[in-house]
PDB file of all heavy atoms in Angstrom:
ATOM      1  N   SER A   1      -4.883  14.881   0.622  1.00  0.00           N
ATOM      2  CA  SER A   1      -5.356  14.472   1.932  1.00  0.00           C
ATOM      3  C   SER A   1      -4.457  13.358   2.498  1.00  0.00           C
ATOM      4  O   SER A   1      -3.788  12.612   1.742  1.00  0.00           O
ATOM      5  CB  SER A   1      -6.803  13.989   1.886  1.00  0.00           C
ATOM      6  OG  SER A   1      -6.883  12.740   1.201  1.00  0.00           O
ATOM      7  N   GLU A   2      -4.500  13.236   3.800  1.00  0.00           N
ATOM      8  CA  GLU A   2      -3.730  12.182   4.488  1.00  0.00           C
ATOM      9  C   GLU A   2      -4.231  10.809   4.042  1.00  0.00           C
ATOM     10  O   GLU A   2      -3.448   9.852   3.887  1.00  0.00           O
ATOM     11  CB  GLU A   2      -3.776  12.336   5.990  1.00  0.00           C
ATOM     12  CG  GLU A   2      -2.710  11.644   6.745  1.00  0.00           C
ATOM     13  CD  GLU A   2      -1.301  12.193   6.438  1.00  0.00           C
ATOM     14  OE1 GLU A   2      -1.180  13.401   6.341  1.00  0.00           O
ATOM     15  OE2 GLU A   2      -0.362  11.350   6.306  1.00  0.00           O
ATOM     16  N   LEU A   3      -5.523  10.684   3.863  1.00  0.00           N
ATOM     17  CA  LEU A   3      -6.069   9.421   3.407  1.00  0.00           C
ATOM     18  C   LEU A   3      -5.521   9.037   2.027  1.00  0.00           C
ATOM     19  O   LEU A   3      -5.228   7.853   1.748  1.00  0.00           O
ATOM     20  CB  LEU A   3      -7.608   9.478   3.316  1.00  0.00           C
ATOM     21  CG  LEU A   3      -8.352   9.324   4.658  1.00  0.00           C
ATOM     22  CD1 LEU A   3      -9.821   9.519   4.428  1.00  0.00           C
ATOM     23  CD2 LEU A   3      -8.093   7.972   5.289  1.00  0.00           C
ATOM     24  N   THR A   4      -5.357   9.998   1.149  1.00  0.00           N
ATOM     25  CA  THR A   4      -4.788   9.729  -0.151  1.00  0.00           C
ATOM     26  C   THR A   4      -3.362   9.251  -0.029  1.00  0.00           C
ATOM     27  O   THR A   4      -2.935   8.331  -0.698  1.00  0.00           O
ATOM     28  CB  THR A   4      -4.898  10.986  -1.046  1.00  0.00           C
ATOM     29  OG1 THR A   4      -6.244  11.331  -1.224  1.00  0.00           O
ATOM     30  CG2 THR A   4      -4.261  10.714  -2.422  1.00  0.00           C
ATOM     31  N   TYR A   5      -2.554   9.930   0.817  1.00  0.00           N
ATOM     32  CA  TYR A   5      -1.196   9.442   1.038  1.00  0.00           C
ATOM     33  C   TYR A   5      -1.178   7.987   1.523  1.00  0.00           C
ATOM     34  O   TYR A   5      -0.348   7.182   1.134  1.00  0.00           O
ATOM     35  CB  TYR A   5      -0.456  10.332   2.039  1.00  0.00           C
ATOM     36  CG  TYR A   5      -0.003  11.671   1.427  1.00  0.00           C
ATOM     37  CD1 TYR A   5      -0.371  12.865   1.987  1.00  0.00           C
ATOM     38  CD2 TYR A   5       0.847  11.691   0.344  1.00  0.00           C
ATOM     39  CE1 TYR A   5       0.027  14.084   1.461  1.00  0.00           C
ATOM     40  CE2 TYR A   5       1.291  12.897  -0.198  1.00  0.00           C
ATOM     41  CZ  TYR A   5       0.894  14.104   0.396  1.00  0.00           C
ATOM     42  OH  TYR A   5       1.290  15.321  -0.145  1.00  0.00           O
ATOM     43  N   LEU A   6      -2.095   7.646   2.449  1.00  0.00           N
ATOM     44  CA  LEU A   6      -2.125   6.281   2.966  1.00  0.00           C
ATOM     45  C   LEU A   6      -2.504   5.295   1.854  1.00  0.00           C
ATOM     46  O   LEU A   6      -1.922   4.216   1.755  1.00  0.00           O
ATOM     47  CB  LEU A   6      -3.171   6.200   4.097  1.00  0.00           C
ATOM     48  CG  LEU A   6      -2.845   6.932   5.405  1.00  0.00           C
ATOM     49  CD1 LEU A   6      -4.017   6.897   6.362  1.00  0.00           C
ATOM     50  CD2 LEU A   6      -1.609   6.316   6.077  1.00  0.00           C
ATOM     51  N   LEU A   7      -3.451   5.659   0.998  1.00  0.00           N
ATOM     52  CA  LEU A   7      -3.968   4.729  -0.010  1.00  0.00           C
ATOM     53  C   LEU A   7      -3.046   4.697  -1.258  1.00  0.00           C
ATOM     54  O   LEU A   7      -3.109   3.730  -2.014  1.00  0.00           O
ATOM     55  CB  LEU A   7      -5.345   5.152  -0.442  1.00  0.00           C
ATOM     56  CG  LEU A   7      -6.467   4.917   0.631  1.00  0.00           C
ATOM     57  CD1 LEU A   7      -7.740   5.606   0.197  1.00  0.00           C
ATOM     58  CD2 LEU A   7      -6.691   3.463   0.852  1.00  0.00           C
ATOM     59  N   GLN A   8      -2.222   5.707  -1.462  1.00  0.00           N
ATOM     60  CA  GLN A   8      -1.358   5.750  -2.639  1.00  0.00           C
ATOM     61  C   GLN A   8       0.046   5.250  -2.362  1.00  0.00           C
ATOM     62  O   GLN A   8       0.788   4.947  -3.311  1.00  0.00           O
ATOM     63  CB  GLN A   8      -1.256   7.200  -3.132  1.00  0.00           C
ATOM     64  CG  GLN A   8      -2.554   7.732  -3.773  1.00  0.00           C
ATOM     65  CD  GLN A   8      -2.830   7.115  -5.140  1.00  0.00           C
ATOM     66  OE1 GLN A   8      -1.905   6.688  -5.880  1.00  0.00           O
ATOM     67  NE2 GLN A   8      -4.097   7.071  -5.506  1.00  0.00           N
ATOM     68  N   SER A   9       0.438   5.126  -1.132  1.00  0.00           N
ATOM     69  CA  SER A   9       1.778   4.671  -0.793  1.00  0.00           C
ATOM     70  C   SER A   9       1.879   3.139  -0.847  1.00  0.00           C
ATOM     71  O   SER A   9       0.878   2.432  -0.853  1.00  0.00           O
ATOM     72  CB  SER A   9       2.212   5.169   0.619  1.00  0.00           C
ATOM     73  OG  SER A   9       1.187   4.920   1.575  1.00  0.00           O
ATOM     74  N   GLY A  10       3.148   2.652  -0.923  1.00  0.00           N
ATOM     75  CA  GLY A  10       3.366   1.218  -1.010  1.00  0.00           C
ATOM     76  C   GLY A  10       2.823   0.437   0.156  1.00  0.00           C
ATOM     77  O   GLY A  10       2.725   0.978   1.269  1.00  0.00           O
ATOM     78  N   SER A  11       2.526  -0.821  -0.092  1.00  0.00           N
ATOM     79  CA  SER A  11       1.896  -1.640   0.959  1.00  0.00           C
ATOM     80  C   SER A  11       2.862  -2.269   1.968  1.00  0.00           C
ATOM     81  O   SER A  11       2.463  -2.668   3.024  1.00  0.00           O
ATOM     82  CB  SER A  11       1.094  -2.775   0.290  1.00  0.00           C
ATOM     83  OG  SER A  11      -0.053  -2.282  -0.332  1.00  0.00           O
ATOM     84  N   ASP A  12       4.121  -2.341   1.594  1.00  0.00           N
ATOM     85  CA  ASP A  12       5.088  -3.006   2.476  1.00  0.00           C
ATOM     86  C   ASP A  12       5.681  -2.006   3.447  1.00  0.00           C
ATOM     87  O   ASP A  12       6.893  -1.942   3.655  1.00  0.00           O
ATOM     88  CB  ASP A  12       6.169  -3.668   1.636  1.00  0.00           C
ATOM     89  CG  ASP A  12       6.916  -4.782   2.391  1.00  0.00           C
ATOM     90  OD1 ASP A  12       6.497  -5.108   3.502  1.00  0.00           O
ATOM     91  OD2 ASP A  12       7.927  -5.233   1.858  1.00  0.00           O
ATOM     92  N   ARG A  13       4.829  -1.245   4.104  1.00  0.00           N
ATOM     93  CA  ARG A  13       5.282  -0.153   4.960  1.00  0.00           C
ATOM     94  C   ARG A  13       5.808  -0.650   6.282  1.00  0.00           C
ATOM     95  O   ARG A  13       5.611  -1.833   6.682  1.00  0.00           O
ATOM     96  CB  ARG A  13       4.096   0.817   5.179  1.00  0.00           C
ATOM     97  CG  ARG A  13       2.973   0.264   5.963  1.00  0.00           C
ATOM     98  CD  ARG A  13       1.739   1.210   5.956  1.00  0.00           C
ATOM     99  NE  ARG A  13       1.086   1.164   4.645  1.00  0.00           N
ATOM    100  CZ  ARG A  13       0.991   2.227   3.848  1.00  0.00           C
ATOM    101  NH1 ARG A  13       1.449   3.405   4.253  1.00  0.00           N
ATOM    102  NH2 ARG A  13       0.384   2.120   2.679  1.00  0.00           N
ATOM    103  N   ILE A  14       6.503   0.221   6.994  1.00  0.00           N
ATOM    104  CA  ILE A  14       7.062  -0.138   8.273  1.00  0.00           C
ATOM    105  C   ILE A  14       5.930  -0.540   9.234  1.00  0.00           C
ATOM    106  O   ILE A  14       4.852   0.074   9.273  1.00  0.00           O
ATOM    107  CB  ILE A  14       7.841   1.087   8.886  1.00  0.00           C
ATOM    108  CG1 ILE A  14       9.132   1.329   8.083  1.00  0.00           C
ATOM    109  CG2 ILE A  14       8.168   0.827  10.337  1.00  0.00           C
ATOM    110  CD1 ILE A  14      10.152   0.234   8.162  1.00  0.00           C
ATOM    111  N   GLY A  15       6.203  -1.592  10.029  1.00  0.00           N
ATOM    112  CA  GLY A  15       5.201  -2.045  10.993  1.00  0.00           C
ATOM    113  C   GLY A  15       4.292  -3.100  10.410  1.00  0.00           C
ATOM    114  O   GLY A  15       4.635  -3.824   9.450  1.00  0.00           O
ATOM    115  N   ALA A  16       3.085  -3.196  10.939  1.00  0.00           N
ATOM    116  CA  ALA A  16       2.163  -4.297  10.605  1.00  0.00           C
ATOM    117  C   ALA A  16       0.836  -3.830  10.044  1.00  0.00           C
ATOM    118  O   ALA A  16      -0.149  -4.588  10.045  1.00  0.00           O
ATOM    119  CB  ALA A  16       1.902  -5.134  11.846  1.00  0.00           C
ATOM    120  N   LEU A  17       0.781  -2.587   9.523  1.00  0.00           N
ATOM    121  CA  LEU A  17      -0.470  -2.054   8.957  1.00  0.00           C
ATOM    122  C   LEU A  17      -0.386  -1.843   7.475  1.00  0.00           C
ATOM    123  O   LEU A  17       0.682  -1.654   6.927  1.00  0.00           O
ATOM    124  CB  LEU A  17      -0.844  -0.744   9.642  1.00  0.00           C
ATOM    125  CG  LEU A  17      -1.055  -0.702  11.170  1.00  0.00           C
ATOM    126  CD1 LEU A  17      -1.398   0.727  11.596  1.00  0.00           C
ATOM    127  CD2 LEU A  17      -2.124  -1.661  11.612  1.00  0.00           C
ATOM    128  N   ASP A  18      -1.517  -1.852   6.813  1.00  0.00           N
ATOM    129  CA  ASP A  18      -1.645  -1.328   5.466  1.00  0.00           C
ATOM    130  C   ASP A  18      -3.040  -0.733   5.320  1.00  0.00           C
ATOM    131  O   ASP A  18      -3.926  -0.960   6.180  1.00  0.00           O
ATOM    132  CB  ASP A  18      -1.419  -2.428   4.408  1.00  0.00           C
ATOM    133  CG  ASP A  18      -1.244  -1.832   2.996  1.00  0.00           C
ATOM    134  OD1 ASP A  18      -0.865  -0.633   2.907  1.00  0.00           O
ATOM    135  OD2 ASP A  18      -1.513  -2.513   2.016  1.00  0.00           O
ATOM    136  N   PHE A  19      -3.247  -0.017   4.240  1.00  0.00           N
ATOM    137  CA  PHE A  19      -4.479   0.731   4.049  1.00  0.00           C
ATOM    138  C   PHE A  19      -5.051   0.428   2.674  1.00  0.00           C
ATOM    139  O   PHE A  19      -4.336   0.486   1.685  1.00  0.00           O
ATOM    140  CB  PHE A  19      -4.197   2.256   4.241  1.00  0.00           C
ATOM    141  CG  PHE A  19      -3.533   2.526   5.554  1.00  0.00           C
ATOM    142  CD1 PHE A  19      -2.164   2.600   5.623  1.00  0.00           C
ATOM    143  CD2 PHE A  19      -4.262   2.662   6.712  1.00  0.00           C
ATOM    144  CE1 PHE A  19      -1.502   2.793   6.823  1.00  0.00           C
ATOM    145  CE2 PHE A  19      -3.641   2.877   7.933  1.00  0.00           C
ATOM    146  CZ  PHE A  19      -2.257   2.952   7.996  1.00  0.00           C
ATOM    147  N   GLN A  20      -6.300   0.129   2.652  1.00  0.00           N
ATOM    148  CA  GLN A  20      -6.997  -0.283   1.416  1.00  0.00           C
ATOM    149  C   GLN A  20      -8.315   0.444   1.258  1.00  0.00           C
ATOM    150  O   GLN A  20      -8.945   0.854   2.226  1.00  0.00           O
ATOM    151  CB  GLN A  20      -7.275  -1.794   1.474  1.00  0.00           C
ATOM    152  CG  GLN A  20      -5.997  -2.660   1.535  1.00  0.00           C
ATOM    153  CD  GLN A  20      -5.372  -2.903   0.202  1.00  0.00           C
ATOM    154  OE1 GLN A  20      -6.052  -3.293  -0.730  1.00  0.00           O
ATOM    155  NE2 GLN A  20      -4.083  -2.699   0.077  1.00  0.00           N
ATOM    156  N   ALA A  21      -8.780   0.535  -0.014  1.00  0.00           N
ATOM    157  CA  ALA A  21     -10.110   1.087  -0.284  1.00  0.00           C
ATOM    158  C   ALA A  21     -11.202   0.092   0.023  1.00  0.00           C
ATOM    159  O   ALA A  21     -12.371   0.482   0.197  1.00  0.00           O
ATOM    160  CB  ALA A  21     -10.195   1.556  -1.732  1.00  0.00           C
ATOM    161  N   SER A  22     -10.875  -1.192   0.053  1.00  0.00           N
ATOM    162  CA  SER A  22     -11.838  -2.266   0.267  1.00  0.00           C
ATOM    163  C   SER A  22     -11.698  -2.945   1.624  1.00  0.00           C
ATOM    164  O   SER A  22     -10.566  -3.103   2.108  1.00  0.00           O
ATOM    165  CB  SER A  22     -11.707  -3.328  -0.829  1.00  0.00           C
ATOM    166  OG  SER A  22     -12.501  -4.461  -0.541  1.00  0.00           O
ATOM    167  N   SER A  23     -12.800  -3.367   2.213  1.00  0.00           N
ATOM    168  CA  SER A  23     -12.798  -4.112   3.435  1.00  0.00           C
ATOM    169  C   SER A  23     -12.902  -5.646   3.141  1.00  0.00           C
ATOM    170  O   SER A  23     -12.810  -6.444   4.077  1.00  0.00           O
ATOM    171  CB  SER A  23     -13.955  -3.712   4.374  1.00  0.00           C
ATOM    172  OG  SER A  23     -15.207  -4.024   3.713  1.00  0.00           O
ATOM    173  N   GLN A  24     -13.119  -6.002   1.893  1.00  0.00           N
ATOM    174  CA  GLN A  24     -13.360  -7.390   1.527  1.00  0.00           C
ATOM    175  C   GLN A  24     -12.153  -8.068   0.906  1.00  0.00           C
ATOM    176  O   GLN A  24     -11.936  -9.273   1.156  1.00  0.00           O
ATOM    177  CB  GLN A  24     -14.570  -7.461   0.565  1.00  0.00           C
ATOM    178  CG  GLN A  24     -15.845  -6.865   1.097  1.00  0.00           C
ATOM    179  CD  GLN A  24     -16.355  -7.547   2.341  1.00  0.00           C
ATOM    180  OE1 GLN A  24     -16.351  -8.761   2.422  1.00  0.00           O
ATOM    181  NE2 GLN A  24     -16.704  -6.758   3.339  1.00  0.00           N
ATOM    182  N   GLU A  25     -11.439  -7.381   0.069  1.00  0.00           N
ATOM    183  CA  GLU A  25     -10.344  -7.945  -0.676  1.00  0.00           C
ATOM    184  C   GLU A  25      -9.077  -7.137  -0.500  1.00  0.00           C
ATOM    185  O   GLU A  25      -9.078  -5.921  -0.708  1.00  0.00           O
ATOM    186  CB  GLU A  25     -10.711  -8.076  -2.137  1.00  0.00           C
ATOM    187  CG  GLU A  25      -9.704  -8.844  -2.969  1.00  0.00           C
ATOM    188  CD  GLU A  25     -10.139  -9.053  -4.383  1.00  0.00           C
ATOM    189  OE1 GLU A  25     -11.266  -8.631  -4.750  1.00  0.00           O
ATOM    190  OE2 GLU A  25      -9.404  -9.648  -5.174  1.00  0.00           O
ATOM    191  N   TYR A  26      -8.015  -7.827  -0.088  1.00  0.00           N
ATOM    192  CA  TYR A  26      -6.737  -7.144   0.121  1.00  0.00           C
ATOM    193  C   TYR A  26      -5.939  -7.218  -1.186  1.00  0.00           C
ATOM    194  O   TYR A  26      -5.637  -8.294  -1.693  1.00  0.00           O
ATOM    195  CB  TYR A  26      -5.949  -7.776   1.237  1.00  0.00           C
ATOM    196  CG  TYR A  26      -4.598  -7.082   1.452  1.00  0.00           C
ATOM    197  CD1 TYR A  26      -4.542  -5.864   2.070  1.00  0.00           C
ATOM    198  CD2 TYR A  26      -3.424  -7.657   1.008  1.00  0.00           C
ATOM    199  CE1 TYR A  26      -3.318  -5.208   2.270  1.00  0.00           C
ATOM    200  CE2 TYR A  26      -2.215  -7.017   1.195  1.00  0.00           C
ATOM    201  CZ  TYR A  26      -2.163  -5.802   1.801  1.00  0.00           C
ATOM    202  OH  TYR A  26      -0.977  -5.153   1.969  1.00  0.00           O
ATOM    203  N   GLU A  27      -5.588  -6.056  -1.760  1.00  0.00           N
ATOM    204  CA  GLU A  27      -4.833  -5.960  -2.973  1.00  0.00           C
ATOM    205  C   GLU A  27      -3.548  -5.137  -2.703  1.00  0.00           C
ATOM    206  O   GLU A  27      -3.605  -3.897  -2.694  1.00  0.00           O
ATOM    207  CB  GLU A  27      -5.640  -5.300  -4.089  1.00  0.00           C
ATOM    208  CG  GLU A  27      -6.851  -6.133  -4.523  1.00  0.00           C
ATOM    209  CD  GLU A  27      -7.600  -5.541  -5.672  1.00  0.00           C
ATOM    210  OE1 GLU A  27      -7.121  -4.486  -6.154  1.00  0.00           O
ATOM    211  OE2 GLU A  27      -8.598  -6.069  -6.120  1.00  0.00           O
ATOM    212  N   PRO A  28      -2.427  -5.799  -2.424  1.00  0.00           N
ATOM    213  CA  PRO A  28      -1.211  -5.083  -2.122  1.00  0.00           C
ATOM    214  C   PRO A  28      -0.700  -4.267  -3.323  1.00  0.00           C
ATOM    215  O   PRO A  28      -0.815  -4.678  -4.444  1.00  0.00           O
ATOM    216  CB  PRO A  28      -0.237  -6.158  -1.739  1.00  0.00           C
ATOM    217  CG  PRO A  28      -0.703  -7.366  -2.449  1.00  0.00           C
ATOM    218  CD  PRO A  28      -2.237  -7.238  -2.477  1.00  0.00           C
ATOM    219  N   ARG A  29      -0.153  -3.089  -3.006  1.00  0.00           N
ATOM    220  CA  ARG A  29       0.516  -2.282  -4.036  1.00  0.00           C
ATOM    221  C   ARG A  29       1.983  -2.739  -4.043  1.00  0.00           C
ATOM    222  O   ARG A  29       2.749  -2.349  -3.178  1.00  0.00           O
ATOM    223  CB  ARG A  29       0.374  -0.782  -3.695  1.00  0.00           C
ATOM    224  CG  ARG A  29      -1.101  -0.318  -3.735  1.00  0.00           C
ATOM    225  CD  ARG A  29      -1.322   1.052  -3.283  1.00  0.00           C
ATOM    226  NE  ARG A  29      -1.107   1.249  -1.846  1.00  0.00           N
ATOM    227  CZ  ARG A  29      -1.949   0.924  -0.873  1.00  0.00           C
ATOM    228  NH1 ARG A  29      -3.105   0.389  -1.204  1.00  0.00           N
ATOM    229  NH2 ARG A  29      -1.680   1.085   0.389  1.00  0.00           N
ATOM    230  N   LEU A  30       2.266  -3.595  -5.031  1.00  0.00           N
ATOM    231  CA  LEU A  30       3.543  -4.273  -5.049  1.00  0.00           C
ATOM    232  C   LEU A  30       4.606  -3.535  -5.867  1.00  0.00           C
ATOM    233  O   LEU A  30       4.303  -2.638  -6.668  1.00  0.00           O
ATOM    234  CB  LEU A  30       3.388  -5.685  -5.651  1.00  0.00           C
ATOM    235  CG  LEU A  30       2.398  -6.613  -4.882  1.00  0.00           C
ATOM    236  CD1 LEU A  30       2.154  -7.871  -5.663  1.00  0.00           C
ATOM    237  CD2 LEU A  30       2.935  -6.886  -3.479  1.00  0.00           C
ATOM    238  N   ALA A  31       5.862  -3.979  -5.715  1.00  0.00           N
ATOM    239  CA  ALA A  31       6.959  -3.369  -6.428  1.00  0.00           C
ATOM    240  C   ALA A  31       7.147  -4.014  -7.794  1.00  0.00           C
ATOM    241  O   ALA A  31       6.913  -5.221  -7.950  1.00  0.00           O
ATOM    242  CB  ALA A  31       8.257  -3.502  -5.628  1.00  0.00           C
ATOM    243  N   ALA A  32       7.509  -3.254  -8.744  1.00  0.00           N
ATOM    244  CA  ALA A  32       7.940  -3.831 -10.041  1.00  0.00           C
ATOM    245  C   ALA A  32       9.434  -4.156  -9.917  1.00  0.00           C
ATOM    246  O   ALA A  32      10.175  -3.565  -9.119  1.00  0.00           O
ATOM    247  CB  ALA A  32       7.709  -2.782 -11.149  1.00  0.00           C
ATOM    248  N   GLU A  33       9.872  -5.106 -10.732  1.00  0.00           N
ATOM    249  CA  GLU A  33      11.275  -5.428 -10.725  1.00  0.00           C
ATOM    250  C   GLU A  33      12.084  -4.264 -11.311  1.00  0.00           C
ATOM    251  O   GLU A  33      11.746  -3.734 -12.344  1.00  0.00           O
ATOM    252  CB  GLU A  33      11.523  -6.677 -11.584  1.00  0.00           C
ATOM    253  CG  GLU A  33      10.987  -7.966 -10.948  1.00  0.00           C
ATOM    254  CD  GLU A  33      11.728  -8.363  -9.693  1.00  0.00           C
ATOM    255  OE1 GLU A  33      12.946  -8.099  -9.631  1.00  0.00           O
ATOM    256  OE2 GLU A  33      11.108  -8.905  -8.784  1.00  0.00           O
ATOM    257  N   ALA A  34      13.135  -3.896 -10.597  1.00  0.00           N
ATOM    258  CA  ALA A  34      13.989  -2.767 -11.093  1.00  0.00           C
ATOM    259  C   ALA A  34      15.379  -2.917 -10.504  1.00  0.00           C
ATOM    260  O   ALA A  34      15.537  -3.354  -9.346  1.00  0.00           O
ATOM    261  CB  ALA A  34      13.393  -1.419 -10.697  1.00  0.00           C
ATOM    262  N   SER A  35      16.380  -2.605 -11.290  1.00  0.00           N
ATOM    263  CA  SER A  35      17.761  -2.636 -10.827  1.00  0.00           C
ATOM    264  C   SER A  35      18.035  -1.423  -9.945  1.00  0.00           C
ATOM    265  O   SER A  35      17.297  -0.435  -9.950  1.00  0.00           O
ATOM    266  CB  SER A  35      18.713  -2.664 -12.010  1.00  0.00           C
ATOM    267  OG  SER A  35      18.619  -1.429 -12.725  1.00  0.00           O
ATOM    268  N   PHE A  36      19.163  -1.487  -9.251  1.00  0.00           N
ATOM    269  CA  PHE A  36      19.593  -0.282  -8.478  1.00  0.00           C
ATOM    270  C   PHE A  36      19.779   0.901  -9.393  1.00  0.00           C
ATOM    271  O   PHE A  36      19.421   2.046  -9.048  1.00  0.00           O
ATOM    272  CB  PHE A  36      20.889  -0.589  -7.712  1.00  0.00           C
ATOM    273  CG  PHE A  36      20.726  -1.415  -6.463  1.00  0.00           C
ATOM    274  CD1 PHE A  36      21.447  -2.566  -6.286  1.00  0.00           C
ATOM    275  CD2 PHE A  36      19.849  -0.996  -5.495  1.00  0.00           C
ATOM    276  CE1 PHE A  36      21.309  -3.324  -5.130  1.00  0.00           C
ATOM    277  CE2 PHE A  36      19.678  -1.765  -4.344  1.00  0.00           C
ATOM    278  CZ  PHE A  36      20.418  -2.935  -4.139  1.00  0.00           C
TER     279      PHE A  36
END
């Protein structure tokens, strides 16, 4: 589903929006450290 794509994709998306399962606590989906 489109909702799953929104909730499973990274949080640092283009623009000023993000999508979360919670309305109370924002938990960004962050990057792990990795080399090129």
